[in-house]
């Protein structure tokens, strides 16, 4: 059996009925005539895997899950793309890196065992603990904070805000200097070996730490630790929680309250938190409990929400900008003053898109908004 025959079997691509729902639903296919999930599945069924591997558009897939969530035959197109990219990388093919390839290199470098000053950013007034029940997963925010320091994203402030919120909830989490990149982008760009190195290191770190719960503020980190590590590497030995879940629980138990904020906001569902993890209501519960705040839903929300336009720091193009502009216009049409998201990449991508057109709306991370009202 050939590699692509195995991929077809594993992802149930043989169930494809050629209805085209995947391509009709795909945000990339709607703006890029050269990209089609249905066509890739057909090529695999016709034993044309070589064409899939050679096609640069393979890396334009956002892995947002819209196609798989709507497929009437339940074809797992996300894992079809993942497996295809792994094969493409073996053949020396990969996507076009964005930002001069710095982010890709940064993640690859973390596969090597060298000391990293990962905790020097923690303010003195924030309480952390060397051990305990909880660990806060910082992810790549320190690196984003450096790379995007001039665009107003303030990525690292999200980590500071997360720690302040956890303290307000009565939690003094561990923050490990041994933590490394979760490997999400390396995995979805087909670099399975680098992903395995990072995953094994992080799993060992978690088991040595003695914690039982890991809190993530990054949806991709959350999904990677909760789903991809157990599926591809092994049990992490910890419960993985998104911080919006803790916040919603804290509100319910009366452990956190908010001051008033008279603003209109709309919420962007990150793909990996919403469609791929089923966490839709907790972030909205947090926003609804801020006095004076009015939450206005975009037409496409929750499972129908549109991706922020690019993923894995590859193949960002004019098509990506078209997707981002469309989503920003949808947010503005609600009458909201602020577009709120729970994903650092969503914030980076939307703020980047705003620099290149005449659209105007404030983009904020949910934790930034929460810290303002506590």
Protein backbone atom coordinates (compact mmCIF):
# COMPACT_ATOMS: atom_id res chain seq x y z
CA UNK A 1 0.00 0.00 0.00
CA UNK A 2 1.39 3.42 -1.00
CA UNK A 3 1.73 6.29 1.47
CA UNK A 4 -1.23 8.16 0.02
CA UNK A 5 -3.37 5.02 0.04
CA UNK A 6 -2.63 4.86 3.78
CA UNK A 7 -3.55 8.54 4.16
CA UNK A 8 -6.82 7.90 2.36
CA UNK A 9 -7.58 5.01 4.72
CA UNK A 10 -6.65 6.92 7.87
CA UNK A 11 -8.66 10.04 7.01
CA UNK A 12 -11.59 8.20 5.41
CA UNK A 13 -11.10 10.18 2.21
CA UNK A 14 -12.64 7.24 0.34
CA UNK A 15 -16.03 8.37 1.75
CA UNK A 16 -15.83 11.57 -0.33
CA UNK A 17 -18.96 11.93 -2.46
CA UNK A 18 -17.60 14.80 -4.54
CA UNK A 19 -20.28 17.18 -3.26
CA UNK A 20 -17.90 20.13 -2.95
CA UNK A 21 -19.16 21.27 0.47
CA UNK A 22 -15.55 21.42 1.71
CA UNK A 23 -14.38 23.73 -1.06
CA UNK A 24 -17.57 25.80 -0.90
CA UNK A 25 -17.04 26.30 2.84
CA UNK A 26 -13.28 26.90 2.73
CA UNK A 27 -12.32 30.55 3.41
CA UNK A 28 -9.18 30.13 1.28
CA UNK A 29 -10.98 28.57 -1.69
CA UNK A 30 -13.48 31.45 -1.69
CA UNK A 31 -10.71 33.95 -2.47
CA UNK A 32 -8.00 31.75 -4.05
CA UNK A 33 -9.11 29.93 -7.24
CA UNK A 34 -6.01 27.71 -7.14
CA UNK A 35 -6.95 26.06 -3.83
CA UNK A 36 -9.53 23.30 -3.40
CA UNK A 37 -9.85 20.71 -0.60
CA UNK A 38 -12.14 18.61 -2.80
CA UNK A 39 -9.59 18.53 -5.61
CA UNK A 40 -6.83 17.37 -3.27
CA UNK A 41 -9.01 14.52 -2.00
CA UNK A 42 -9.83 13.56 -5.59
CA UNK A 43 -6.13 13.53 -6.49
CA UNK A 44 -5.41 11.17 -3.60
CA UNK A 45 -8.20 8.84 -4.70
CA UNK A 46 -6.80 8.89 -8.26
CA UNK A 47 -3.35 8.01 -6.86
CA UNK A 48 -1.95 11.43 -7.79
CA UNK A 49 -0.23 11.98 -4.45
CA UNK A 50 2.84 13.32 -6.24
CA UNK A 51 0.88 16.33 -7.46
CA UNK A 52 -0.34 17.08 -3.93
CA UNK A 53 3.20 16.97 -2.56
CA UNK A 54 4.52 19.29 -5.29
CA UNK A 55 1.70 21.83 -5.02
CA UNK A 56 2.74 24.95 -3.07
CA UNK A 57 -0.96 25.57 -2.34
CA UNK A 58 -0.91 22.60 0.04
CA UNK A 59 0.55 25.07 2.56
CA UNK A 60 -2.24 27.61 2.05
CA UNK A 61 -4.72 25.48 4.02
CA UNK A 62 -5.54 27.25 7.31
CA UNK A 63 -6.24 23.92 9.07
CA UNK A 64 -9.20 25.84 10.52
CA UNK A 65 -11.47 22.77 10.42
CA UNK A 66 -14.40 24.39 8.61
CA UNK A 67 -14.35 21.80 5.83
CA UNK A 68 -14.19 18.79 8.15
CA UNK A 69 -16.92 20.17 10.41
CA UNK A 70 -19.30 20.47 7.46
CA UNK A 71 -18.34 17.38 5.44
CA UNK A 72 -21.40 15.08 5.18
CA UNK A 73 -19.07 12.09 4.77
CA UNK A 74 -16.94 13.02 7.81
CA UNK A 75 -13.68 13.08 5.85
CA UNK A 76 -10.90 14.22 8.19
CA UNK A 77 -9.38 16.83 5.88
CA UNK A 78 -7.25 18.40 8.60
CA UNK A 79 -5.30 15.21 9.17
CA UNK A 80 -5.27 14.63 5.41
CA UNK A 81 -3.40 17.94 5.08
CA UNK A 82 -1.14 17.16 8.04
CA UNK A 83 -0.12 13.76 6.64
CA UNK A 84 0.34 15.23 3.15
CA UNK A 85 2.61 17.97 4.52
CA UNK A 86 4.71 15.42 6.40
CA UNK A 87 5.22 13.56 3.10
CA UNK A 88 5.92 16.80 1.24
CA UNK A 89 8.56 17.78 3.76
CA UNK A 90 10.25 14.40 3.37
CA UNK A 91 10.45 15.23 -0.34
CA UNK A 92 12.07 18.59 0.42
CA UNK A 93 8.96 20.72 -0.14
CA UNK A 94 7.55 23.27 2.30
CA UNK A 95 5.54 26.46 2.47
CA UNK A 96 6.90 29.97 2.04
CA UNK A 97 7.88 31.23 5.53
CA UNK A 98 6.66 34.66 6.62
CA UNK A 99 8.66 37.24 8.60
CA UNK A 100 11.92 36.20 6.91
CA UNK A 101 11.57 32.73 8.46
CA UNK A 102 12.52 34.08 11.92
CA UNK A 103 9.58 32.43 13.71
CA UNK A 104 10.23 29.09 12.01
CA UNK A 105 13.92 29.27 12.98
CA UNK A 106 13.06 30.24 16.56
CA UNK A 107 10.90 27.14 16.96
CA UNK A 108 13.51 24.87 15.38
CA UNK A 109 16.23 26.24 17.68
CA UNK A 110 14.19 25.27 20.71
CA UNK A 111 14.59 21.60 19.80
CA UNK A 112 18.20 21.91 20.99
CA UNK A 113 19.06 21.65 24.69
CA UNK A 114 20.31 25.10 25.65
CA UNK A 115 19.35 27.42 28.53
CA UNK A 116 16.63 30.01 27.86
CA UNK A 117 15.81 33.05 29.99
CA UNK A 118 12.08 32.43 29.80
CA UNK A 119 10.91 33.89 33.11
CA UNK A 120 12.67 37.26 33.39
CA UNK A 121 9.55 39.05 32.17
CA UNK A 122 7.45 38.22 35.26
CA UNK A 123 6.70 41.42 37.27
CA UNK A 124 7.69 41.51 40.95
CA UNK A 125 4.11 42.07 42.11
CA UNK A 126 2.89 38.86 40.44
CA UNK A 127 2.89 35.75 42.61
CA UNK A 128 4.16 32.47 41.22
CA UNK A 129 5.21 29.27 42.95
CA UNK A 130 8.02 26.79 42.19
CA UNK A 131 5.56 23.94 42.78
CA UNK A 132 1.87 23.34 43.33
CA UNK A 133 -1.29 22.25 41.55
CA UNK A 134 -1.19 24.65 38.57
CA UNK A 135 1.35 25.54 35.91
CA UNK A 136 0.83 28.43 33.50
CA UNK A 137 1.86 27.54 29.96
CA UNK A 138 3.54 30.65 28.52
CA UNK A 139 4.07 29.33 25.01
CA UNK A 140 5.78 31.53 22.43
CA UNK A 141 4.52 34.84 23.82
CA UNK A 142 8.01 35.99 24.92
CA UNK A 143 9.25 35.53 21.34
CA UNK A 144 6.18 37.15 19.79
CA UNK A 145 6.74 40.04 22.19
CA UNK A 146 10.18 40.66 20.68
CA UNK A 147 9.37 40.00 17.02
CA UNK A 148 6.19 42.12 17.02
CA UNK A 149 7.29 44.72 19.55
CA UNK A 150 6.78 47.66 17.18
CA UNK A 151 3.24 46.94 15.93
CA UNK A 152 1.33 47.56 19.15
CA UNK A 153 0.46 43.88 19.66
CA UNK A 154 2.11 43.66 23.12
CA UNK A 155 1.98 39.85 22.95
CA UNK A 156 3.96 39.26 26.13
CA UNK A 157 1.50 41.40 28.08
CA UNK A 158 -1.03 38.61 27.55
CA UNK A 159 1.14 36.33 29.72
CA UNK A 160 1.46 39.03 32.39
CA UNK A 161 -2.32 39.53 32.31
CA UNK A 162 -2.89 35.78 32.61
CA UNK A 163 -0.77 35.62 35.76
CA UNK A 164 -2.55 38.63 37.28
CA UNK A 165 -5.93 37.01 36.61
CA UNK A 166 -4.81 33.67 38.07
CA UNK A 167 -3.63 35.50 41.20
CA UNK A 168 -7.03 37.19 41.46
CA UNK A 169 -8.61 33.73 41.27
CA UNK A 170 -6.43 32.66 44.19
CA UNK A 171 -3.95 30.69 42.10
CA UNK A 172 -0.17 31.10 42.32
CA UNK A 173 0.94 29.01 39.33
CA UNK A 174 4.32 27.56 38.54
CA UNK A 175 6.05 29.01 35.48
CA UNK A 176 8.76 26.69 34.25
CA UNK A 177 12.04 27.98 32.78
CA UNK A 178 12.32 24.53 31.18
CA UNK A 179 9.18 24.96 29.08
CA UNK A 180 9.69 25.17 25.33
CA UNK A 181 7.54 25.86 22.27
CA UNK A 182 4.69 23.35 22.14
CA UNK A 183 5.57 22.56 18.51
CA UNK A 184 2.16 23.35 17.02
CA UNK A 185 3.47 25.19 13.97
CA UNK A 186 6.26 22.71 13.31
CA UNK A 187 3.74 19.86 13.42
CA UNK A 188 1.26 21.49 11.04
CA UNK A 189 4.07 22.46 8.69
CA UNK A 190 5.06 18.81 8.40
CA UNK A 191 8.17 18.81 10.62
CA UNK A 192 7.09 15.83 12.67
CA UNK A 193 10.58 15.05 14.01
CA UNK A 194 11.10 18.52 15.51
CA UNK A 195 7.59 18.35 16.95
CA UNK A 196 8.39 15.04 18.64
CA UNK A 197 11.58 16.45 20.19
CA UNK A 198 9.71 19.41 21.67
CA UNK A 199 6.77 17.30 22.80
CA UNK A 200 8.94 14.73 24.58
CA UNK A 201 10.91 17.46 26.33
CA UNK A 202 7.74 19.25 27.46
CA UNK A 203 6.01 16.07 28.62
CA UNK A 204 9.07 15.16 30.70
CA UNK A 205 9.13 18.69 32.14
CA UNK A 206 5.46 18.47 33.12
CA UNK A 207 5.89 15.12 34.80
CA UNK A 208 8.93 16.34 36.76
CA UNK A 209 7.16 19.54 37.82
CA UNK A 210 4.63 17.70 39.96
CA UNK A 211 1.72 19.85 38.78
CA UNK A 212 -1.64 18.30 37.96
CA UNK A 213 -3.20 21.12 35.91
CA UNK A 214 -1.82 23.25 33.07
CA UNK A 215 -3.50 26.56 32.22
CA UNK A 216 -3.11 27.84 28.65
CA UNK A 217 -4.01 31.26 27.27
CA UNK A 218 -3.03 30.26 23.71
CA UNK A 219 -5.66 28.15 21.86
CA UNK A 220 -3.02 26.40 19.76
CA UNK A 221 -1.00 25.49 22.85
CA UNK A 222 -4.20 24.27 24.50
CA UNK A 223 -5.14 22.06 21.57
CA UNK A 224 -1.57 20.76 21.15
CA UNK A 225 -1.13 19.76 24.79
CA UNK A 226 -4.65 18.40 25.20
CA UNK A 227 -5.05 16.52 21.89
CA UNK A 228 -1.89 16.24 19.82
CA UNK A 229 0.54 15.25 22.57
CA UNK A 230 -1.61 12.31 23.80
CA UNK A 231 -2.50 11.23 20.24
CA UNK A 232 0.98 11.45 18.73
CA UNK A 233 3.47 11.19 21.60
CA UNK A 234 1.99 10.06 24.92
CA UNK A 235 0.06 11.00 28.03
CA UNK A 236 1.08 14.35 29.57
CA UNK A 237 -0.10 13.31 33.02
CA UNK A 238 -1.91 16.63 33.53
CA UNK A 239 -5.32 18.19 32.98
CA UNK A 240 -5.15 20.92 30.33
CA UNK A 241 -7.41 23.94 30.91
CA UNK A 242 -7.98 27.12 28.91
CA UNK A 243 -7.94 30.23 31.06
CA UNK A 244 -11.42 31.26 29.87
CA UNK A 245 -12.76 28.09 31.52
CA UNK A 246 -11.15 29.06 34.84
CA UNK A 247 -12.46 32.61 34.54
CA UNK A 248 -16.01 31.47 33.81
CA UNK A 249 -15.87 29.11 36.80
CA UNK A 250 -14.44 31.86 39.00
CA UNK A 251 -17.30 34.18 38.03
CA UNK A 252 -19.85 31.48 38.82
CA UNK A 253 -18.30 30.92 42.26
CA UNK A 254 -18.02 34.64 43.01
CA UNK A 255 -14.22 34.59 43.18
CA UNK A 256 -13.83 37.43 40.70
CA UNK A 257 -15.93 40.51 39.91
CA UNK A 258 -15.58 43.31 37.40
CA UNK A 259 -15.88 47.07 37.28
CA UNK A 260 -18.11 48.69 34.68
CA UNK A 261 -16.98 49.31 31.10
CA UNK A 262 -19.36 51.08 28.73
CA UNK A 263 -18.23 49.62 25.41
CA UNK A 264 -19.61 47.62 22.49
CA UNK A 265 -17.54 44.57 21.57
CA UNK A 266 -17.69 41.62 19.23
CA UNK A 267 -15.87 38.32 19.73
CA UNK A 268 -13.65 36.40 17.29
CA UNK A 269 -13.77 32.65 17.90
CA UNK A 270 -10.22 31.32 17.41
CA UNK A 271 -10.31 28.15 15.29
CA UNK A 272 -8.38 26.01 17.76
CA UNK A 273 -10.43 27.15 20.75
CA UNK A 274 -13.85 27.11 19.12
CA UNK A 275 -14.34 24.76 16.20
CA UNK A 276 -11.49 22.39 17.16
CA UNK A 277 -11.99 22.37 20.95
CA UNK A 278 -15.66 23.26 21.42
CA UNK A 279 -15.00 26.22 23.73
CA UNK A 280 -17.48 28.84 22.60
CA UNK A 281 -19.46 29.93 25.64
CA UNK A 282 -16.85 30.46 28.36
CA UNK A 283 -15.23 33.52 26.71
CA UNK A 284 -18.69 34.95 26.06
CA UNK A 285 -19.71 34.32 29.67
CA UNK A 286 -16.71 36.37 30.79
CA UNK A 287 -17.60 39.24 28.48
CA UNK A 288 -21.30 39.17 29.44
CA UNK A 289 -20.44 39.53 33.12
CA UNK A 290 -18.58 42.82 32.62
CA UNK A 291 -21.11 45.52 33.65
CA UNK A 292 -21.92 47.96 30.86
CA UNK A 293 -20.25 45.85 28.18
CA UNK A 294 -22.47 45.02 25.20
CA UNK A 295 -21.55 41.88 23.24
CA UNK A 296 -22.61 42.04 19.58
CA UNK A 297 -22.26 38.86 17.56
CA UNK A 298 -20.88 38.79 14.03
CA UNK A 299 -23.04 37.06 11.44
CA UNK A 300 -20.57 34.16 11.29
CA UNK A 301 -19.82 33.10 14.84
CA UNK A 302 -19.06 30.01 16.93
CA UNK A 303 -18.72 26.97 14.60
CA UNK A 304 -19.25 29.20 11.54
CA UNK A 305 -16.59 31.75 12.53
CA UNK A 306 -14.02 32.69 9.90
CA UNK A 307 -10.30 32.11 10.53
CA UNK A 308 -7.96 35.10 10.93
CA UNK A 309 -6.48 34.29 7.55
CA UNK A 310 -3.13 32.55 7.93
CA UNK A 311 -1.53 29.89 10.09
CA UNK A 312 1.84 28.38 10.93
CA UNK A 313 3.70 31.50 9.71
CA UNK A 314 3.66 30.26 6.09
CA UNK A 315 2.03 31.29 2.81
CA UNK A 316 0.69 34.63 3.99
CA UNK A 317 -0.46 36.33 0.78
CA UNK A 318 -2.91 38.78 -0.71
CA UNK A 319 -5.51 36.04 -0.23
CA UNK A 320 -4.79 36.03 3.50
CA UNK A 321 -5.26 39.80 3.61
CA UNK A 322 -8.56 39.47 1.75
CA UNK A 323 -9.84 36.99 4.36
CA UNK A 324 -8.69 39.26 7.20
CA UNK A 325 -10.25 42.37 5.66
CA UNK A 326 -13.53 40.56 5.14
CA UNK A 327 -13.60 39.48 8.78
CA UNK A 328 -12.71 42.95 10.02
CA UNK A 329 -15.53 44.45 7.94
CA UNK A 330 -17.92 41.92 9.45
CA UNK A 331 -16.78 42.94 12.94
CA UNK A 332 -17.17 46.63 12.15
CA UNK A 333 -20.66 46.06 10.70
CA UNK A 334 -21.90 44.94 14.13
CA UNK A 335 -21.33 48.44 15.48
CA UNK A 336 -18.68 47.20 17.91
CA UNK A 337 -15.85 49.46 19.01
CA UNK A 338 -13.58 46.57 19.95
CA UNK A 339 -12.86 43.20 18.33
CA UNK A 340 -11.99 40.82 21.16
CA UNK A 341 -10.19 37.53 20.67
CA UNK A 342 -8.55 34.87 22.84
CA UNK A 343 -5.68 34.07 20.49
CA UNK A 344 -2.35 35.93 20.17
CA UNK A 345 -2.10 35.10 16.48
CA UNK A 346 -5.59 36.45 15.76
CA UNK A 347 -4.57 39.71 17.41
CA UNK A 348 -1.28 39.87 15.48
CA UNK A 349 -2.91 39.10 12.13
CA UNK A 350 -5.84 41.49 12.51
CA UNK A 351 -3.65 44.34 13.70
CA UNK A 352 -1.35 43.70 10.74
CA UNK A 353 -4.31 43.81 8.35
CA UNK A 354 -5.49 47.11 9.86
CA UNK A 355 -2.12 48.69 9.01
CA UNK A 356 -2.70 48.06 5.33
CA UNK A 357 -6.22 49.38 4.74
CA UNK A 358 -8.58 52.15 5.80
CA UNK A 359 -10.62 50.01 8.23
CA UNK A 360 -10.79 51.09 11.86
CA UNK A 361 -11.61 48.99 14.92
CA UNK A 362 -9.68 48.36 18.12
CA UNK A 363 -8.36 44.79 18.52
CA UNK A 364 -7.85 43.47 22.05
CA UNK A 365 -7.02 40.22 23.73
CA UNK A 366 -9.78 39.11 26.12
CA UNK A 367 -7.35 38.99 29.06
CA UNK A 368 -6.31 42.58 28.36
CA UNK A 369 -9.94 43.61 28.64
CA UNK A 370 -10.45 41.61 31.83
CA UNK A 371 -7.42 43.15 33.56
CA UNK A 372 -8.77 46.62 32.72
CA UNK A 373 -11.97 45.92 34.68
CA UNK A 374 -10.54 44.16 37.74
